[in-house]
């Protein structure tokens, strides 16, 4: 895992790219370097995971090609067997570079792993870059002078000059609690979408290289379970390839327990909160004891709130309202004291249909009386209830998972900000597939929106802030492809999800893991703010003065809404 940055064009400069990569030092504290050629400069910060020797350093050159690479290719040893030697290292970087030199852009189809990389072809004077299929690793780009700049995180672009806030992207934040791709909070800087390559030869061209089939091929539960079991085992174990110690984030839920059950007594890491109803520690301890893991944990308390707000704005560089981002950072910090790589259960809910809101959405019926939502107080209990009964399925789904509903935004935001996005649901609408059945429709939507824009951003930034590499085995693209071909009856019945995964785990994990109600990973923000309500009031005043909110009046915010407003205030007023 690493940090990458570079510039192609007349603006390419060693010192400038060196400063960009210095801003990414937290992602790769072990080493760093910059490579330059006519009209190009590529920078790298290294977190040594495979081949810890200097032979694995980047930027790495082979013939006409030079690469900077962030991620891991889990099948690199198999790919290496088909490539001509000699090899100067035992790294996946060298395998990727030589594979591209031989196969060009087609090499992407053979990669199993998480990655964001850029390769400069000195002979053709073309930059080729790519991001992994699910968007586990980040890649951002922006025009610079007559060329292009790229980096792993937004903070690197501050070296290019002043950054201008994109007000439309800021308005999006109130719908999604994140800035949806391809937008960032800064005008001109965009995110390369997952499963896309970028070619730059004076102009940028994006191409999607992976779009999995949703054709239903598996309807028999027993036959599907027989297929899933060895596939799951291989995906988990392949993610442990490393020359440094590997641990596991453990919540005690189905996903993390599934990972632990396929490993031999790994080190496990958990956190809890000082509000017991939000803490998963008892379940994590029980699972750790069952599998005899070496278990480590930490409790997060109210006293951490100010620290959490400061760290959140530093880590994410743009408004990011998922309160579990701080929790992920804390568990990453605990893990980093023992290991350099940790496996996470991220993606299990999308892959196997586990979210509780899926069941709620299936049960909720649209109602024409939902027009009352437009006249009822937007933040009242009855107003919220009617907002979740929109007649249109997408509007109804957005009301369940969104941060602020359109009615709430109209009441809350300054009029000019509220008017910037005529269709606040544009991001969800782009991936809404009404031809799919209800369960598969939600699965597809979350795999293309909430997962890459929220969950995977959270996992990457929160862990890389302490130089920890986090790998999500349940997002191995082979597992995702498999799950999308399952009949919905194998994924979910009403409010109970992950049916096939539970079937595979029966008899292999404690029974209570499979029957325990799902619990989220968010912070007890509302309970904490009850102890010191003035924190939120002060933030509302500043946001109103800045022209973001219509007024500083406090509404009946839920915990995630309050946290998102606190984060936005801290981002705007560090």
Foldseek 3Di string as FASTA:
>chain_A
DWKKKKWAAPPGDQVLRVLLRVLLCLQAVPDKDWDDDVRMIIIIGHDAWFFNDPLPDDQDDDVQKTKYKDWAFLCQVVLVVPFDDDRSTRGSVRSLRRLCVVPNPVSLVVTWIFIWMWMARNVLRKIKIAGAALQLFWKKKFDADQIIMIIRAPVSCVSRDDWAFDLLQVLLCQWAVFRWFQDHRTPGMGTQAHQWMWMTPSDIDIDRDDDFDLAADDEDLVVLLVVVQVVLLCLLVSVCDTPWAEAAEFLLALLRLSSLLSDQQGEYEYEAEPPHVQGSVVSRVVQCVVRVHNYDYYYDYLVCVVVLLVLVCSLHVGRHQFQLLSVLLVRLVRVVVPIQEYEYSAPPCLLQVQDQVLLVLVPAEADPVLVVLLVPPCQDPVNLVSQCRHNDSVSNSSSSNTNGRLSRCVQWWQVVSSPSDPDSCVLLVVQQDVVDPSSLRVSRSCSRTVRNRHVSSSNVRSNSSNNHHYHYSCPRVVSSSSSSNHDVVCADDRSHGSNSSLVSCVPSGDPCSRVPDDHDSHDPQVVSCVVPVVLLLVLLCVCVVVRTTVHSDDGNHDRSNSSSSSSNSVSVPD
